[in-house]
C-alpha atoms as a PDB file:
ATOM      1  CA  VAL A   1      86.276  64.859  87.998  1.00  0.00           C
ATOM      2  CA  ARG A   2      83.644  62.725  89.624  1.00  0.00           C
ATOM      3  CA  THR A   3      80.438  62.657  91.582  1.00  0.00           C
ATOM      4  CA  ALA A   4      80.835  63.398  95.396  1.00  0.00           C
ATOM      5  CA  ASN A   5      80.836  60.411  97.484  1.00  0.00           C
ATOM      6  CA  GLU A   6      78.754  59.832 100.695  1.00  0.00           C
ATOM      7  CA  ARG A   7      81.142  61.785 103.005  1.00  0.00           C
ATOM      8  CA  GLU A   8      81.573  64.584 100.472  1.00  0.00           C
ATOM      9  CA  GLN A   9      77.799  64.776 100.061  1.00  0.00           C
ATOM     10  CA  LYS A  10      77.569  65.701 103.854  1.00  0.00           C
ATOM     11  CA  TYR A  11      79.900  68.666 103.292  1.00  0.00           C
ATOM     12  CA  LEU A  12      78.152  69.647 100.167  1.00  0.00           C
ATOM     13  CA  ALA A  13      74.863  69.740 102.005  1.00  0.00           C
ATOM     14  CA  ILE A  14      76.230  72.224 104.350  1.00  0.00           C
ATOM     15  CA  LEU A  15      77.610  74.350 101.517  1.00  0.00           C
ATOM     16  CA  LYS A  16      74.327  74.365  99.935  1.00  0.00           C
ATOM     17  CA  SER A  17      72.435  75.236 103.049  1.00  0.00           C
ATOM     18  CA  ILE A  18      74.699  78.130 103.525  1.00  0.00           C
ATOM     19  CA  ALA A  19      74.230  79.430 100.107  1.00  0.00           C
ATOM     20  CA  LEU A  20      70.302  79.139 100.443  1.00  0.00           C
ATOM     21  CA  ASP A  21      70.267  80.396 103.937  1.00  0.00           C
ATOM     22  CA  ILE A  22      72.890  83.233 104.329  1.00  0.00           C
ATOM     23  CA  PHE A  23      73.268  84.130 100.514  1.00  0.00           C
ATOM     24  CA  ARG A  24      69.763  83.529  99.339  1.00  0.00           C
ATOM     25  CA  ASP A  25      69.427  87.333  98.267  1.00  0.00           C
ATOM     26  CA  TYR A  26      72.991  87.401  96.548  1.00  0.00           C
ATOM     27  CA  ILE A  27      72.279  84.613  94.215  1.00  0.00           C
ATOM     28  CA  CYS A  28      69.712  83.969  91.507  1.00  0.00           C
ATOM     29  CA  TYR A  29      69.037  80.282  91.555  1.00  0.00           C
ATOM     30  CA  ASP A  30      65.795  78.435  91.471  1.00  0.00           C
ATOM     31  CA  GLU A  31      67.918  75.335  92.125  1.00  0.00           C
ATOM     32  CA  LEU A  32      71.586  75.198  92.976  1.00  0.00           C
ATOM     33  CA  PRO A  33      73.723  73.602  90.227  1.00  0.00           C
ATOM     34  CA  GLU A  34      75.188  70.192  90.412  1.00  0.00           C
ATOM     35  CA  CYS A  35      78.616  70.016  92.202  1.00  0.00           C
ATOM     36  CA  ARG A  36      81.257  67.653  91.195  1.00  0.00           C
ATOM     37  CA  VAL A  37      84.676  66.824  92.781  1.00  0.00           C
ATOM     38  CA  ILE A  38      88.071  67.563  91.196  1.00  0.00           C
ATOM     39  CA  THR A  39      90.488  64.778  91.872  1.00  0.00           C
ATOM     40  CA  SER A  40      93.408  65.885  89.753  1.00  0.00           C
ATOM     41  CA  SER A  41      96.187  68.074  90.861  1.00  0.00           C
ATOM     42  CA  ALA A  42      94.438  71.046  89.094  1.00  0.00           C
ATOM     43  CA  ILE A  43      95.762  74.340  90.028  1.00  0.00           C
ATOM     44  CA  ASN A  44      92.287  76.086  90.662  1.00  0.00           C
ATOM     45  CA  GLU A  45      90.334  74.978  93.849  1.00  0.00           C
ATOM     46  CA  GLY A  46      87.203  75.267  91.976  1.00  0.00           C
ATOM     47  CA  SER A  47      85.608  75.959  88.706  1.00  0.00           C
ATOM     48  CA  ALA A  48      82.121  76.779  87.224  1.00  0.00           C
ATOM     49  CA  TYR A  49      81.020  75.561  83.811  1.00  0.00           C
ATOM     50  CA  VAL A  50      78.692  78.407  82.466  1.00  0.00           C
ATOM     51  CA  HIS A  51      76.260  78.899  79.724  1.00  0.00           C
ATOM     52  CA  LYS A  52      75.473  82.527  78.553  1.00  0.00           C
ATOM     53  CA  ILE A  53      71.828  83.516  78.987  1.00  0.00           C
ATOM     54  CA  SER A  54      69.541  86.410  78.281  1.00  0.00           C
ATOM     55  CA  GLY A  55      66.878  87.828  80.608  1.00  0.00           C
ATOM     56  CA  GLY A  56      68.452  86.558  83.730  1.00  0.00           C
ATOM     57  CA  LYS A  57      67.151  87.326  87.147  1.00  0.00           C
ATOM     58  CA  LYS A  58      68.521  90.066  89.279  1.00  0.00           C
ATOM     59  CA  ASN A  59      69.625  89.879  92.880  1.00  0.00           C
ATOM     60  CA  PHE A  60      68.848  92.517  95.626  1.00  0.00           C
ATOM     61  CA  LEU A  61      71.893  94.484  94.428  1.00  0.00           C
ATOM     62  CA  GLY A  62      70.389  94.771  90.925  1.00  0.00           C
ATOM     63  CA  LEU A  63      73.032  92.499  89.390  1.00  0.00           C
ATOM     64  CA  LYS A  64      71.701  90.588  86.416  1.00  0.00           C
ATOM     65  CA  ALA A  65      72.669  86.761  86.096  1.00  0.00           C
ATOM     66  CA  ASP A  66      74.200  86.720  82.651  1.00  0.00           C
ATOM     67  CA  TYR A  67      75.175  82.999  82.928  1.00  0.00           C
ATOM     68  CA  GLU A  68      73.618  79.843  83.945  1.00  0.00           C
ATOM     69  CA  ILE A  69      76.036  77.722  86.101  1.00  0.00           C
ATOM     70  CA  ARG A  70      75.596  74.089  84.834  1.00  0.00           C
ATOM     71  CA  THR A  71      78.257  72.693  87.161  1.00  0.00           C
ATOM     72  CA  VAL A  72      80.421  73.647  90.006  1.00  0.00           C
ATOM     73  CA  GLN A  73      83.329  71.739  90.613  1.00  0.00           C
ATOM     74  CA  LEU A  74      85.452  71.670  93.943  1.00  0.00           C
ATOM     75  CA  LYS A  75      88.873  70.282  94.715  1.00  0.00           C
ATOM     76  CA  VAL A  76      88.651  67.037  96.669  1.00  0.00           C
ATOM     77  CA  GLU A  77      90.821  68.594  99.403  1.00  0.00           C
ATOM     78  CA  LEU A  78      88.014  71.051 100.318  1.00  0.00           C
ATOM     79  CA  PHE A  79      85.848  68.467 101.674  1.00  0.00           C
ATOM     80  CA  ALA A  80      87.677  67.915 104.861  1.00  0.00           C
ATOM     81  CA  LYS A  81      87.874  69.017 108.624  1.00  0.00           C
ATOM     82  CA  GLY A  82      89.619  72.309 108.835  1.00  0.00           C
ATOM     83  CA  GLN A  83      88.706  73.587 105.350  1.00  0.00           C
ATOM     84  CA  PHE A  84      85.392  75.107 106.216  1.00  0.00           C
ATOM     85  CA  ALA A  85      86.309  78.712 105.387  1.00  0.00           C
ATOM     86  CA  GLU A  86      88.151  77.940 102.221  1.00  0.00           C
ATOM     87  CA  ALA A  87      85.342  75.645 101.001  1.00  0.00           C
ATOM     88  CA  VAL A  88      82.588  78.206 101.713  1.00  0.00           C
ATOM     89  CA  ALA A  89      84.610  81.073 100.027  1.00  0.00           C
ATOM     90  CA  VAL A  90      85.309  78.758  96.750  1.00  0.00           C
ATOM     91  CA  TYR A  91      81.822  77.443  96.577  1.00  0.00           C
ATOM     92  CA  MET A  92      80.312  80.995  96.690  1.00  0.00           C
ATOM     93  CA  HIS A  93      82.846  82.247  94.316  1.00  0.00           C
ATOM     94  CA  GLU A  94      81.905  79.736  91.891  1.00  0.00           C
ATOM     95  CA  LEU A  95      78.107  80.407  92.177  1.00  0.00           C
ATOM     96  CA  LEU A  96      78.703  84.087  91.950  1.00  0.00           C
ATOM     97  CA  HIS A  97      80.120  83.469  88.318  1.00  0.00           C
ATOM     98  CA  GLN A  98      76.423  83.711  87.269  1.00  0.00           C
ATOM     99  CA  PHE A  99      77.130  87.611  87.200  1.00  0.00           C
ATOM    100  CA  GLY A 100      80.381  87.241  85.088  1.00  0.00           C
ATOM    101  CA  GLY A 101      83.959  86.316  84.936  1.00  0.00           C
ATOM    102  CA  ASP A 102      86.670  86.955  87.462  1.00  0.00           C
ATOM    103  CA  GLY A 103      87.601  90.323  85.875  1.00  0.00           C
ATOM    104  CA  SER A 104      83.964  91.577  85.384  1.00  0.00           C
ATOM    105  CA  LYS A 105      82.575  94.553  87.237  1.00  0.00           C
ATOM    106  CA  ASN A 106      79.404  92.698  88.282  1.00  0.00           C
ATOM    107  CA  PHE A 107      81.307  89.788  89.527  1.00  0.00           C
ATOM    108  CA  ARG A 108      83.648  91.784  91.417  1.00  0.00           C
ATOM    109  CA  ARG A 109      80.810  93.753  92.956  1.00  0.00           C
ATOM    110  CA  ALA A 110      78.963  90.474  94.039  1.00  0.00           C
ATOM    111  CA  ILE A 111      82.244  88.941  95.666  1.00  0.00           C
ATOM    112  CA  GLY A 112      82.626  92.255  97.604  1.00  0.00           C
ATOM    113  CA  ALA A 113      78.938  92.111  98.811  1.00  0.00           C
ATOM    114  CA  MET A 114      79.418  88.448  99.698  1.00  0.00           C
ATOM    115  CA  ALA A 115      82.568  89.283 101.827  1.00  0.00           C
ATOM    116  CA  LEU A 116      80.584  91.785 103.778  1.00  0.00           C
ATOM    117  CA  GLN A 117      77.683  89.383 104.267  1.00  0.00           C
ATOM    118  CA  MET A 118      80.084  86.760 105.687  1.00  0.00           C
ATOM    119  CA  LEU A 119      81.401  89.348 108.233  1.00  0.00           C
ATOM    120  CA  LYS A 120      77.748  90.219 109.186  1.00  0.00           C
ATOM    121  CA  GLU A 121      76.783  86.624 109.445  1.00  0.00           C
ATOM    122  CA  ALA A 122      79.863  85.367 111.406  1.00  0.00           C
ATOM    123  CA  GLU A 123      77.885  83.933 114.177  1.00  0.00           C
ATOM    124  CA  ARG A 124      75.665  81.928 111.920  1.00  0.00           C
ATOM    125  CA  LEU A 125      78.620  80.732 109.931  1.00  0.00           C
ATOM    126  CA  ALA A 126      80.163  79.607 113.039  1.00  0.00           C
ATOM    127  CA  GLU A 127      77.278  77.350 113.752  1.00  0.00           C
ATOM    128  CA  TYR A 128      77.649  75.910 110.128  1.00  0.00           C
ATOM    129  CA  GLN A 129      81.256  75.280 110.924  1.00  0.00           C
ATOM    130  CA  LYS A 130      80.567  73.298 113.830  1.00  0.00           C
ATOM    131  CA  LYS A 131      78.481  70.967 111.698  1.00  0.00           C
ATOM    132  CA  TRP A 132      81.150  70.994 109.178  1.00  0.00           C
ATOM    133  CA  GLU A 133      83.754  69.905 111.712  1.00  0.00           C
ATOM    134  CA  ALA A 134      81.247  67.233 113.104  1.00  0.00           C
ATOM    135  CA  VAL A 135      81.187  65.367 109.718  1.00  0.00           C
ATOM    136  CA  GLU A 136      84.212  63.475 110.198  1.00  0.00           C
ATOM    137  CA  LYS A 137      82.960  62.347 113.633  1.00  0.00           C
ATOM    138  CA  GLY A 138      79.926  60.856 111.891  1.00  0.00           C
ATOM    139  CA  VAL A 139      77.492  63.175 113.774  1.00  0.00           C
END
């Protein structure tokens, strides 16, 4: 695992913009967690390092953040042209772990709401996808 390089930072900036723009009401972050890059042949495309908290904020669905995400890690292959949809899905999946583990009721509810928001905001996501695809062109 390593810090994102200059090119990966451009992709990461797009992911962060999406989280704060399209999913602001779904997540409970004052500041998004650090994101690192997985370079090994790990099975998972992403992971979140969490710390249990009490008294966490609630999102607009009434879901309480039970965990502080200290670091999100994304596989290096996600930071590439043609990987927009997968990268957004994995990044948001990891951010939503503030509501619980993969099998928890609150996490599943947050993931379902996120999927509906993606469908609702398809046009805006398409604009972000154009920016994503332009990263490799140096635009």
